[in-house]
Protein backbone atom coordinates (compact mmCIF):
# COMPACT_ATOMS: atom_id res chain seq x y z
CA MET A 1 -17.32 -20.54 22.25
CA THR A 2 -15.62 -16.40 21.86
CA THR A 3 -17.98 -14.07 20.62
CA ALA A 4 -15.31 -12.51 17.79
CA PRO A 5 -15.47 -8.62 19.20
CA ASP A 6 -16.80 -5.90 16.21
CA PHE A 7 -14.04 -4.08 13.88
CA ARG A 8 -11.93 -1.50 14.86
CA ARG A 9 -9.22 -0.17 13.45
CA ILE A 10 -5.47 -0.59 14.73
CA SER A 11 -5.35 3.43 14.82
CA ASP A 12 -8.00 4.15 16.34
CA LEU A 13 -6.61 1.47 19.27
CA VAL A 14 -3.37 2.93 19.56
CA ALA A 15 -3.98 6.01 19.99
CA ASP A 16 -6.76 5.24 22.58
CA HIS A 17 -3.50 4.02 24.70
CA GLY A 18 -1.91 6.62 24.15
CA ARG A 19 -4.92 8.14 26.14
CA THR A 20 -5.60 6.10 28.50
CA ARG A 21 -2.31 4.56 29.83
CA PRO A 22 0.05 7.50 27.79
CA ASP A 23 3.25 6.04 30.62
CA ALA A 24 2.92 2.19 30.47
CA PRO A 25 5.65 0.81 27.89
CA ALA A 26 4.71 0.18 24.02
CA VAL A 27 7.60 -0.63 22.31
CA THR A 28 11.03 -1.65 23.42
CA VAL A 29 13.73 -2.08 20.49
CA GLY A 30 16.59 -2.74 22.36
CA ASP A 31 18.25 0.37 24.37
CA ALA A 32 15.15 2.29 22.72
CA HIS A 33 12.41 2.95 24.35
CA LEU A 34 8.39 4.57 23.57
CA THR A 35 6.09 5.02 26.51
CA TRP A 36 1.93 4.29 24.76
CA GLY A 37 1.90 7.73 24.79
CA GLN A 38 5.00 8.78 23.37
CA LEU A 39 3.57 6.04 20.28
CA ALA A 40 0.58 7.49 20.14
CA ALA A 41 2.17 10.57 19.80
CA ARG A 42 4.69 9.68 17.33
CA SER A 43 2.35 8.15 14.84
CA ALA A 44 -0.27 10.65 15.33
CA ARG A 45 2.50 13.08 13.72
CA VAL A 46 3.25 10.21 10.78
CA ALA A 47 0.04 10.43 9.45
CA ALA A 48 0.12 14.15 9.25
CA SER A 49 2.99 14.25 7.53
CA LEU A 50 1.73 11.73 5.19
CA GLN A 51 -1.22 14.25 4.74
CA ARG A 52 0.86 17.20 4.11
CA ASP A 53 3.39 15.16 1.68
CA GLY A 54 -0.40 14.17 -0.46
CA VAL A 55 0.23 10.62 -0.09
CA PRO A 56 -3.43 9.55 -0.66
CA VAL A 57 -5.83 7.07 1.02
CA GLY A 58 -5.24 3.71 -0.35
CA SER A 59 -1.98 3.38 -1.26
CA ALA A 60 0.83 2.33 0.29
CA ILE A 61 5.00 3.91 1.19
CA ALA A 62 7.89 0.73 1.53
CA ILE A 63 10.62 0.86 4.63
CA ILE A 64 13.01 -0.96 3.92
CA SER A 65 14.74 -0.78 8.08
CA GLY A 66 15.88 -2.88 10.39
CA THR A 67 13.79 -3.20 13.30
CA SER A 68 13.36 0.00 15.24
CA THR A 69 11.02 2.09 17.03
CA ASP A 70 10.72 4.74 14.69
CA TYR A 71 9.70 1.46 12.34
CA VAL A 72 6.77 -0.19 14.39
CA ALA A 73 5.76 4.33 14.46
CA LEU A 74 5.60 4.64 10.69
CA TYR A 75 4.19 1.15 10.43
CA MET A 76 1.19 2.86 13.17
CA GLY A 77 0.76 6.39 12.04
CA ALA A 78 0.33 4.85 7.97
CA LEU A 79 -2.70 2.82 9.13
CA MET A 80 -3.69 6.22 11.45
CA ALA A 81 -4.02 8.03 8.07
CA GLY A 82 -5.44 5.24 5.59
CA ILE A 83 -2.54 4.63 4.11
CA ALA A 84 -1.05 0.32 3.91
CA VAL A 85 2.33 -0.27 4.12
CA ALA A 86 5.38 -1.84 2.26
CA PRO A 87 7.74 -3.59 4.30
CA MET A 88 11.01 -4.77 2.41
CA PRO A 89 13.14 -7.95 3.02
CA PRO A 90 16.44 -6.70 3.38
CA SER A 91 17.80 -9.97 2.67
CA ALA A 92 16.91 -8.99 -1.87
CA THR A 93 18.97 -7.64 -3.90
CA PRO A 94 19.34 -4.23 -5.16
CA GLU A 95 17.53 -4.88 -8.45
CA GLN A 96 14.77 -6.72 -6.24
CA LEU A 97 14.29 -3.99 -3.45
CA VAL A 98 13.14 -1.05 -6.54
CA ALA A 99 11.72 -3.21 -8.90
CA MET A 100 9.37 -4.49 -5.13
CA VAL A 101 9.56 -0.60 -4.84
CA LYS A 102 7.94 -0.15 -7.97
CA ASP A 103 5.24 -2.52 -8.15
CA SER A 104 4.20 -1.55 -4.24
CA GLY A 105 3.24 1.94 -6.22
CA ALA A 106 4.94 3.98 -3.04
CA PRO A 107 5.60 7.43 -3.15
CA LEU A 108 7.92 7.47 -0.31
CA LEU A 109 10.51 4.53 0.90
CA PHE A 110 11.86 4.75 4.73
CA LEU A 111 14.78 3.32 4.19
CA ASP A 112 17.55 3.68 7.46
CA ALA A 113 21.84 4.45 6.91
CA ALA A 114 22.36 0.63 6.82
CA ASN A 115 20.80 -0.70 4.16
CA ALA A 116 21.39 2.80 2.63
CA GLU A 117 24.24 1.97 1.98
CA ALA A 118 24.30 -0.71 0.08
CA LEU A 119 21.87 0.70 -1.86
CA ALA A 120 23.69 3.90 -3.15
CA GLN A 121 23.63 3.01 -6.20
CA MET A 122 20.29 2.47 -7.50
CA GLN A 123 17.35 5.01 -8.27
CA PHE A 124 14.02 4.75 -6.58
CA ASP A 125 10.90 5.19 -7.54
CA ALA A 126 10.07 6.73 -5.18
CA ARG A 127 11.10 9.59 -2.80
CA ILE A 128 13.86 8.61 0.06
CA ILE A 129 13.13 9.99 4.19
CA MET A 130 16.35 8.55 5.43
CA ILE A 131 15.11 7.39 9.00
CA GLU A 132 17.46 8.14 11.32
CA ALA A 133 16.65 11.81 10.34
CA LEU A 134 12.57 10.91 10.34
CA ASP A 135 12.39 14.60 13.03
CA GLY A 136 13.38 16.84 10.44
CA TRP A 137 10.69 15.41 8.22
CA LEU A 138 7.43 15.13 10.52
CA ALA A 139 5.00 17.32 10.91
CA ASP A 140 3.81 19.14 14.79
CA GLY A 141 0.17 19.07 14.39
CA PRO A 142 -2.17 16.99 14.20
CA PRO A 143 -3.88 15.56 11.04
CA ALA A 144 -6.49 14.72 9.85
CA ALA A 145 -9.78 12.68 10.83
CA LEU A 146 -10.43 9.77 8.58
CA ASN A 147 -13.82 10.79 6.99
CA MET A 148 -15.02 7.25 5.51
CA THR A 149 -16.48 4.66 7.53
CA ASP A 150 -16.04 1.35 8.70
CA ASP A 151 -17.64 -0.42 5.04
CA ALA A 152 -15.22 1.85 3.14
CA LEU A 153 -12.45 0.87 5.49
CA LEU A 154 -12.06 -3.26 5.34
CA PRO A 155 -11.71 -3.95 1.41
CA LEU A 156 -8.38 -1.14 1.36
CA PRO A 157 -4.84 -2.49 1.59
CA PHE A 158 -3.46 -2.76 5.41
CA ASN A 159 -0.72 -4.11 4.37
CA ILE A 160 1.68 -6.10 1.45
CA ILE A 161 4.20 -7.80 2.61
CA TYR A 162 6.41 -9.44 -0.36
CA SER A 163 8.82 -12.86 0.35
CA SER A 164 12.94 -12.13 0.13
CA GLY A 165 12.35 -14.59 -3.29
CA THR A 166 15.60 -16.62 -4.40
CA THR A 167 14.85 -15.37 -8.38
CA GLY A 168 13.21 -13.19 -9.65
CA VAL A 169 11.07 -10.29 -8.25
CA PRO A 170 8.56 -11.43 -5.31
CA LYS A 171 5.33 -10.68 -5.31
CA GLY A 172 3.49 -8.30 -2.97
CA ILE A 173 0.60 -10.07 -1.57
CA ILE A 174 -2.01 -7.39 -0.64
CA HIS A 175 -4.14 -7.74 3.48
CA SER A 176 -6.69 -5.73 3.15
CA TRP A 177 -8.15 -4.19 7.07
CA ARG A 178 -11.00 -6.84 7.23
CA MET A 179 -8.22 -9.66 6.62
CA ARG A 180 -6.33 -8.10 8.94
CA TRP A 181 -8.88 -7.58 11.67
CA ALA A 182 -9.23 -11.13 11.68
CA HIS A 183 -5.95 -11.81 12.38
CA LEU A 184 -6.48 -8.92 15.36
CA ALA A 185 -9.33 -10.62 16.52
CA GLY A 186 -8.11 -13.75 16.82
CA GLY A 187 -5.49 -12.02 19.66
CA LEU A 188 -8.01 -11.80 22.33
CA PRO A 189 -7.83 -15.96 22.65
CA VAL A 190 -5.33 -16.96 23.97
CA GLY A 191 -4.08 -13.84 25.82
CA TYR A 192 -2.72 -10.92 23.83
CA GLY A 193 -3.79 -7.72 26.32
CA PRO A 194 -2.43 -4.54 28.75
CA ASP A 195 -0.47 -7.15 30.50
CA ALA A 196 0.81 -8.89 27.80
CA VAL A 197 4.91 -8.75 27.04
CA CYS A 198 5.19 -9.75 23.52
CA LEU A 199 9.33 -10.70 23.23
CA LEU A 200 10.00 -11.25 19.22
CA ALA A 201 13.02 -11.50 17.59
CA THR A 202 12.55 -11.48 13.29
CA PRO A 203 11.97 -9.29 10.79
CA LEU A 204 9.13 -6.53 11.31
CA TYR A 205 8.47 -7.56 6.69
CA SER A 206 7.46 -10.86 8.05
CA ASN A 207 4.48 -11.65 8.02
CA THR A 208 5.00 -14.45 10.74
CA THR A 209 5.97 -11.59 12.99
CA LEU A 210 3.11 -9.77 11.79
CA VAL A 211 0.74 -12.08 13.18
CA SER A 212 1.57 -10.87 16.92
CA ALA A 213 3.58 -7.76 16.36
CA LEU A 214 -0.15 -6.25 15.72
CA PRO A 215 -2.68 -8.24 17.91
CA CYS A 216 0.04 -7.08 20.44
CA LEU A 217 0.28 -3.33 20.23
CA ALA A 218 -3.81 -3.53 19.05
CA TRP A 219 -4.11 -4.93 22.50
CA GLY A 220 -2.31 -2.45 24.31
CA GLY A 221 0.72 -4.74 25.09
CA HIS A 222 4.31 -4.61 25.42
CA LEU A 223 6.18 -5.60 22.44
CA VAL A 224 9.94 -6.03 22.90
CA MET A 225 11.86 -7.43 19.76
CA MET A 226 15.58 -7.80 19.53
CA PRO A 227 17.31 -7.06 15.84
CA LYS A 228 18.85 -9.65 16.09
CA PHE A 229 18.35 -13.10 17.17
CA ASP A 230 20.60 -14.61 19.55
CA ALA A 231 19.37 -17.46 21.36
CA ARG A 232 20.80 -16.83 24.53
CA GLY A 233 20.53 -12.96 24.42
CA PHE A 234 16.21 -13.73 24.05
CA LEU A 235 16.75 -16.26 26.98
CA GLN A 236 18.13 -13.58 29.13
CA LEU A 237 15.84 -10.95 27.81
CA ALA A 238 12.60 -12.79 28.29
CA GLN A 239 14.36 -13.39 31.84
CA LYS A 240 14.25 -9.64 32.20
CA VAL A 241 11.21 -8.16 30.44
CA ARG A 242 9.55 -11.28 31.72
CA ALA A 243 7.52 -12.08 28.97
CA THR A 244 4.08 -14.25 28.21
CA HIS A 245 4.00 -14.33 24.68
CA SER A 246 6.89 -15.45 21.70
CA MET A 247 6.80 -16.43 17.59
CA LEU A 248 9.17 -18.31 17.18
CA VAL A 249 10.38 -20.55 14.17
CA PRO A 250 11.67 -23.93 14.71
CA VAL A 251 15.41 -23.34 14.15
CA GLN A 252 15.16 -20.64 17.24
CA TYR A 253 13.47 -23.39 19.46
CA ARG A 254 16.17 -25.65 18.58
CA ARG A 255 18.80 -22.85 19.11
CA PHE A 256 16.86 -22.49 22.64
CA MET A 257 16.80 -26.17 23.47
CA ASP A 258 20.51 -27.33 22.60
CA LEU A 259 21.71 -24.93 25.14
CA PRO A 260 23.09 -26.80 28.20
CA ASP A 261 21.72 -24.03 30.57
CA PHE A 262 18.61 -23.74 29.33
CA GLY A 263 17.35 -24.74 32.62
CA SER A 264 18.92 -22.44 34.29
CA TYR A 265 16.23 -19.02 32.89
CA ASP A 266 13.50 -18.23 34.46
CA LEU A 267 11.02 -18.58 31.79
CA SER A 268 8.39 -18.84 33.79
CA SER A 269 6.49 -15.58 32.97
CA TYR A 270 5.06 -17.54 29.63
CA GLN A 271 1.25 -17.61 29.12
CA MET A 272 1.80 -18.59 25.58
CA LYS A 273 4.71 -19.39 22.93
CA PHE A 274 3.82 -19.51 18.98
CA CYS A 275 4.96 -21.12 16.10
CA THR A 276 4.80 -21.47 12.76
CA SER A 277 6.93 -21.30 8.70
CA ALA A 278 8.80 -23.95 8.48
CA PRO A 279 8.14 -27.88 10.33
CA PHE A 280 7.49 -28.03 13.28
CA ASP A 281 9.10 -31.52 14.53
CA ALA A 282 7.51 -33.60 17.20
CA ALA A 283 10.51 -34.39 19.17
CA LEU A 284 11.15 -31.10 19.06
CA LYS A 285 7.05 -29.33 20.37
CA ALA A 286 7.88 -32.43 23.22
CA ASP A 287 10.96 -31.04 25.07
CA ILE A 288 9.27 -27.43 24.07
CA LEU A 289 6.22 -28.61 26.30
CA GLN A 290 8.37 -30.39 29.57
CA ARG A 291 10.55 -28.16 29.77
CA TRP A 292 9.19 -25.08 28.49
CA PRO A 293 6.32 -23.55 30.99
CA GLY A 294 3.64 -22.19 28.87
CA GLY A 295 1.51 -23.27 26.37
CA LEU A 296 2.28 -24.00 22.67
CA ILE A 297 1.20 -22.76 20.47
CA GLU A 298 2.00 -23.63 16.02
CA TYR A 299 -0.42 -21.88 13.25
CA TRP A 300 0.44 -22.92 10.10
CA GLY A 301 -1.40 -21.12 6.54
CA MET A 302 0.61 -19.00 4.32
CA THR A 303 0.42 -15.64 3.58
CA GLU A 304 -1.47 -15.73 1.41
CA GLY A 305 -4.40 -17.39 3.72
CA GLY A 306 -6.75 -18.91 2.52
CA GLY A 307 -7.30 -21.94 5.14
CA GLY A 308 -5.25 -22.53 8.03
CA THR A 309 -4.54 -24.44 11.50
CA VAL A 310 -3.99 -24.72 14.93
CA LEU A 311 -2.13 -27.51 16.87
CA VAL A 312 -2.67 -26.92 20.58
CA ALA A 313 0.15 -28.67 21.53
CA HIS A 314 -0.39 -28.85 25.17
CA ALA A 315 -3.79 -30.26 24.45
CA ASN A 316 -3.27 -32.69 22.05
CA PRO A 317 0.39 -34.51 23.10
CA THR A 318 -0.74 -37.52 21.16
CA LYS A 319 -0.66 -35.07 17.90
CA LEU A 320 2.56 -33.72 17.66
CA HIS A 321 2.79 -35.02 14.04
CA THR A 322 0.28 -32.96 13.06
CA VAL A 323 -0.28 -29.46 12.27
CA GLY A 324 -3.84 -29.38 14.12
CA HIS A 325 -7.39 -28.82 12.95
CA PRO A 326 -8.62 -26.02 10.71
CA ILE A 327 -8.71 -22.68 12.44
CA PRO A 328 -12.80 -21.85 13.27
CA GLY A 329 -13.34 -20.70 10.76
CA HIS A 330 -11.14 -21.76 7.93
CA GLU A 331 -12.88 -24.80 5.54
CA ILE A 332 -10.04 -27.58 4.42
CA LEU A 333 -9.96 -29.74 1.05
CA LEU A 334 -7.24 -31.61 0.32
CA VAL A 335 -7.39 -32.74 -3.27
CA LYS A 336 -6.07 -35.21 -5.35
CA GLU A 337 -4.27 -34.89 -8.46
CA ASP A 338 -7.44 -35.46 -10.45
CA GLY A 339 -9.68 -33.11 -8.46
CA SER A 340 -11.02 -35.17 -6.12
CA GLU A 341 -10.79 -34.87 -2.35
CA ALA A 342 -8.92 -37.59 -0.54
CA GLU A 343 -10.34 -40.05 1.89
CA VAL A 344 -9.14 -40.31 4.88
CA GLY A 345 -5.14 -41.24 4.99
CA GLU A 346 -4.94 -40.14 1.62
CA ILE A 347 -2.19 -36.99 0.03
CA GLY A 348 -3.61 -34.68 -1.53
CA GLU A 349 -2.91 -30.73 -2.09
CA ILE A 350 -4.48 -27.99 1.23
CA VAL A 351 -6.43 -25.32 -0.28
CA GLY A 352 -8.51 -23.45 2.28
CA HIS A 353 -11.29 -20.50 2.16
CA SER A 354 -11.61 -18.78 4.83
CA GLY A 355 -12.35 -14.25 5.52
CA ALA A 356 -8.69 -14.31 6.08
CA THR A 357 -8.34 -14.37 2.20
CA MET A 358 -5.57 -12.15 0.38
CA SER A 359 -6.78 -9.53 -1.34
CA GLY A 360 -4.49 -10.49 -4.54
CA TYR A 361 -0.51 -10.50 -5.88
CA ALA A 362 -0.76 -6.78 -5.99
CA ASN A 363 -0.12 -5.70 -10.25
CA ARG A 364 -0.53 -9.07 -11.03
CA PRO A 365 -3.90 -10.40 -11.69
CA GLU A 366 -2.97 -14.16 -13.86
CA ALA A 367 -1.10 -15.34 -10.58
CA THR A 368 -3.37 -14.24 -8.54
CA ARG A 369 -6.30 -16.49 -10.27
CA ALA A 370 -3.30 -18.99 -10.43
CA THR A 371 -3.86 -20.30 -6.93
CA GLN A 372 -7.27 -20.36 -6.51
CA TRP A 373 -9.41 -24.12 -7.17
CA ILE A 374 -12.80 -23.07 -7.89
CA HIS A 375 -15.30 -25.63 -5.69
CA PRO A 376 -18.02 -26.91 -7.70
CA ASP A 377 -19.94 -24.10 -5.42
CA GLY A 378 -18.01 -21.58 -6.74
CA ARG A 379 -16.69 -20.25 -3.64
CA ILE A 380 -12.65 -19.51 -4.42
CA PHE A 381 -9.83 -21.41 -2.11
CA ILE A 382 -6.47 -21.07 -1.78
CA ARG A 383 -3.99 -22.98 -3.39
CA THR A 384 -1.30 -23.89 -1.13
CA GLY A 385 1.23 -26.39 -3.27
CA ASP A 386 0.96 -28.35 1.05
CA LEU A 387 0.86 -31.54 0.22
CA ALA A 388 -0.49 -33.88 3.54
CA ARG A 389 -3.00 -36.32 4.57
CA ARG A 390 -6.08 -36.61 6.73
CA ASP A 391 -5.79 -38.57 9.88
CA ALA A 392 -9.29 -40.23 11.01
CA ASP A 393 -9.91 -37.44 14.54
CA GLY A 394 -9.77 -34.77 12.04
CA PHE A 395 -5.87 -33.66 12.73
CA LEU A 396 -3.73 -32.73 9.25
CA GLU A 397 0.29 -34.38 9.08
CA LEU A 398 2.06 -32.47 6.12
CA VAL A 399 4.19 -34.72 3.95
CA GLY A 400 6.35 -31.85 1.65
CA ARG A 401 5.05 -29.20 -0.57
CA ALA A 402 4.33 -30.20 -4.30
CA LYS A 403 7.18 -29.00 -5.62
CA ASP A 404 9.50 -31.27 -3.43
CA MET A 405 7.80 -34.19 -4.11
CA ILE A 406 10.15 -36.33 -6.29
CA ILE A 407 8.35 -38.39 -8.70
CA SER A 408 11.17 -41.98 -8.83
CA GLY A 409 10.95 -44.44 -11.45
CA GLY A 410 6.64 -43.88 -11.54
CA PHE A 411 6.48 -43.46 -7.72
CA ASN A 412 5.45 -41.16 -5.83
CA ILE A 413 8.12 -40.22 -2.93
CA TYR A 414 7.57 -37.36 -0.52
CA PRO A 415 10.35 -36.13 0.98
CA VAL A 416 9.02 -35.35 4.83
CA ASP A 417 8.80 -39.51 5.25
CA ILE A 418 12.73 -40.20 4.58
CA GLU A 419 13.29 -37.05 6.68
CA GLN A 420 11.72 -38.32 9.58
CA VAL A 421 13.38 -41.72 9.56
CA LEU A 422 16.84 -39.81 8.86
CA ALA A 423 15.98 -37.19 11.99
CA GLN A 424 16.26 -40.91 14.61
CA HIS A 425 19.41 -41.41 14.43
CA PRO A 426 21.09 -39.98 17.14
CA ALA A 427 23.90 -37.92 15.16
CA VAL A 428 21.06 -35.58 13.50
CA ARG A 429 21.44 -32.47 13.86
CA ASP A 430 19.81 -31.20 10.46
CA CYS A 431 18.01 -32.63 6.94
CA ALA A 432 16.34 -31.60 3.40
CA VAL A 433 15.77 -34.50 0.58
CA VAL A 434 15.48 -33.22 -2.70
CA GLY A 435 14.96 -34.81 -6.17
CA VAL A 436 18.34 -35.14 -8.11
CA PRO A 437 17.95 -35.84 -12.00
CA SER A 438 18.87 -39.53 -12.84
CA ARG A 439 19.70 -41.55 -15.82
CA ALA A 440 17.44 -44.73 -14.59
CA TRP A 441 14.83 -43.56 -12.28
CA GLY A 442 14.24 -39.66 -13.81
CA GLU A 443 14.98 -38.67 -10.23
CA THR A 444 15.99 -40.02 -7.22
CA PRO A 445 16.55 -38.68 -3.94
CA VAL A 446 19.33 -37.14 -1.60
CA ALA A 447 19.88 -35.96 0.85
CA PHE A 448 21.55 -32.58 2.61
CA VAL A 449 22.63 -34.13 6.54
CA VAL A 450 24.07 -32.26 9.15
CA ALA A 451 25.99 -34.91 11.55
CA PRO A 452 29.57 -34.01 12.15
CA ASP A 453 30.02 -37.75 13.95
CA ALA A 454 28.75 -39.78 11.72
CA THR A 455 29.86 -40.76 7.50
CA ALA A 456 27.58 -40.06 4.75
CA GLU A 457 28.19 -44.19 3.77
CA GLU A 458 26.92 -44.99 7.53
CA LEU A 459 24.26 -42.79 7.38
CA ARG A 460 22.75 -44.15 3.73
CA GLU A 461 23.18 -47.71 4.67
CA TRP A 462 21.02 -46.91 7.72
CA ALA A 463 18.60 -44.48 6.14
CA ASN A 464 17.98 -46.78 3.15
CA SER A 465 17.77 -49.88 5.69
CA ARG A 466 15.25 -48.35 7.60
CA LEU A 467 13.14 -47.02 4.47
CA GLY A 468 10.98 -48.82 1.28
CA LYS A 469 12.75 -49.80 -1.60
CA VAL A 470 12.10 -46.75 -4.15
CA GLN A 471 12.35 -44.16 -0.98
CA ARG A 472 16.45 -45.26 -0.73
CA LEU A 473 18.33 -42.97 -0.92
CA ALA A 474 20.89 -42.36 -3.46
CA ALA A 475 23.66 -40.05 -1.38
CA VAL A 476 23.57 -38.60 1.53
CA GLN A 477 26.19 -35.32 1.46
CA LEU A 478 27.31 -33.96 4.72
CA VAL A 479 26.84 -30.04 5.63
CA GLY A 480 27.07 -27.98 7.63
CA GLU A 481 24.38 -26.08 7.77
CA LEU A 482 21.10 -26.21 5.41
CA PRO A 483 20.62 -22.51 3.46
CA ARG A 484 17.36 -21.43 5.34
CA SER A 485 15.31 -17.93 4.91
CA VAL A 486 15.00 -15.55 7.53
CA ILE A 487 12.49 -17.06 8.98
CA GLY A 488 14.25 -20.60 8.97
CA LYS A 489 12.66 -22.10 5.74
CA ILE A 490 15.23 -24.49 4.04
CA LEU A 491 16.41 -23.18 1.21
CA LYS A 492 15.48 -26.57 -0.96
CA ARG A 493 15.99 -24.90 -4.71
CA GLU A 494 19.68 -23.81 -3.68
CA LEU A 495 20.50 -27.36 -2.50
CA ARG A 496 19.18 -29.06 -5.53
CA ASP A 497 21.22 -26.27 -7.98
CA GLY A 498 24.33 -26.71 -5.54
CA TRP A 499 24.50 -30.72 -6.27
CA ALA A 500 26.73 -31.60 -7.87
CA GLY A 501 27.09 -35.11 -7.45
CA GLU A 502 26.42 -37.85 -9.23
CA VAL A 503 23.37 -40.64 -9.22
CA GLY A 504 22.42 -43.57 -11.77
């Protein structure tokens, strides 16, 4: 068993790489490049500038921007000064962004020109610094040393992650330096290091990106990022830079594997591929294992932390329908509605406990308490809202979100069970099942399906002939595509809200 390394500040690690490997590539975004010497120097100037402007240790800066090398330098520089980063999702509404910046307490907002135009009429509770004019803001000298012990630093905020949200103001999830170190240390056993080339195509405000980008930087790899995802362009870039690692979401994997010329790309440099953030179809995992060199690891967990699972897919080909075992050091329980623990094969809500747990939601103590489940021995677990069953070998199989569970005529229906049946139809490219109001049953399942070569009634009859009586679909609606978040999660609320049909 690999011994966990002693805590190191990522800012110190970046400075070390800048001294020992100044000419090695550190960050590439499009045509922009920073060597380790350049990244360390630019990050140090950011830290000195924040100190000059009086931004206090333990506070945060906000960033609303597309992916760029300066985004990475701002991130590392803030951490050098003991200041957290609140990366904001530009996909949120202007009103939400104003509220998030205020919620973060950031005195400075770093904004790029592309987003500034859309936000021109908004008033922020922060001084705005344009990223394109960053050179004019940067100090020339080095930052003052951050004179505080590791013990004092570890509980401080490292970053505040806001979800994009579809309604209301997203909650700010505070990650401490201690929590992030658990992620960084976990990067060593999977091959992050000076020879790693990590290619990513999700945005820097997403925790999906950070759980791969930060270990890559911490251990001296080359971080290569696509500002905008394109499946064929990604494969061309992977071939060009000889990518060794990538964190991708399921919808991206699907687009790769659907390309008729996928096999023409040389992906032999890959050591490990990762996936997280959304349900990952077992057949898709199998296809990736067969046709894409290197290992495949799926992580399941929440940005809030608590407990996570890992499926080493290449080592467990018969368990691809699961999300694996708890990550070492993580404890996961399945809790039924009556508070008791689910037995093997029974369904319960996943609650988790580990050192990788958020400090809480920013300025929302009640919401923080609401996500906690207290074990009889007093330990705090995080409630996930995800439902799962555990098999005899200890592997967890997700069955859906508790809020997405359909209660029809008093029976619990899990949408994933229906989706798995629909996905077996050769014409179905994508599908999602939601519950809609029914006078007769309270709720009843309806499927939204991407299947250009089939009719809705044909799919409904085909699925219902294979489903249990209480699971049968009341309707199928054909759609061109399913609404998804930027990291590939299906937005089921939009499907429910957009349903205009009638069922009995």
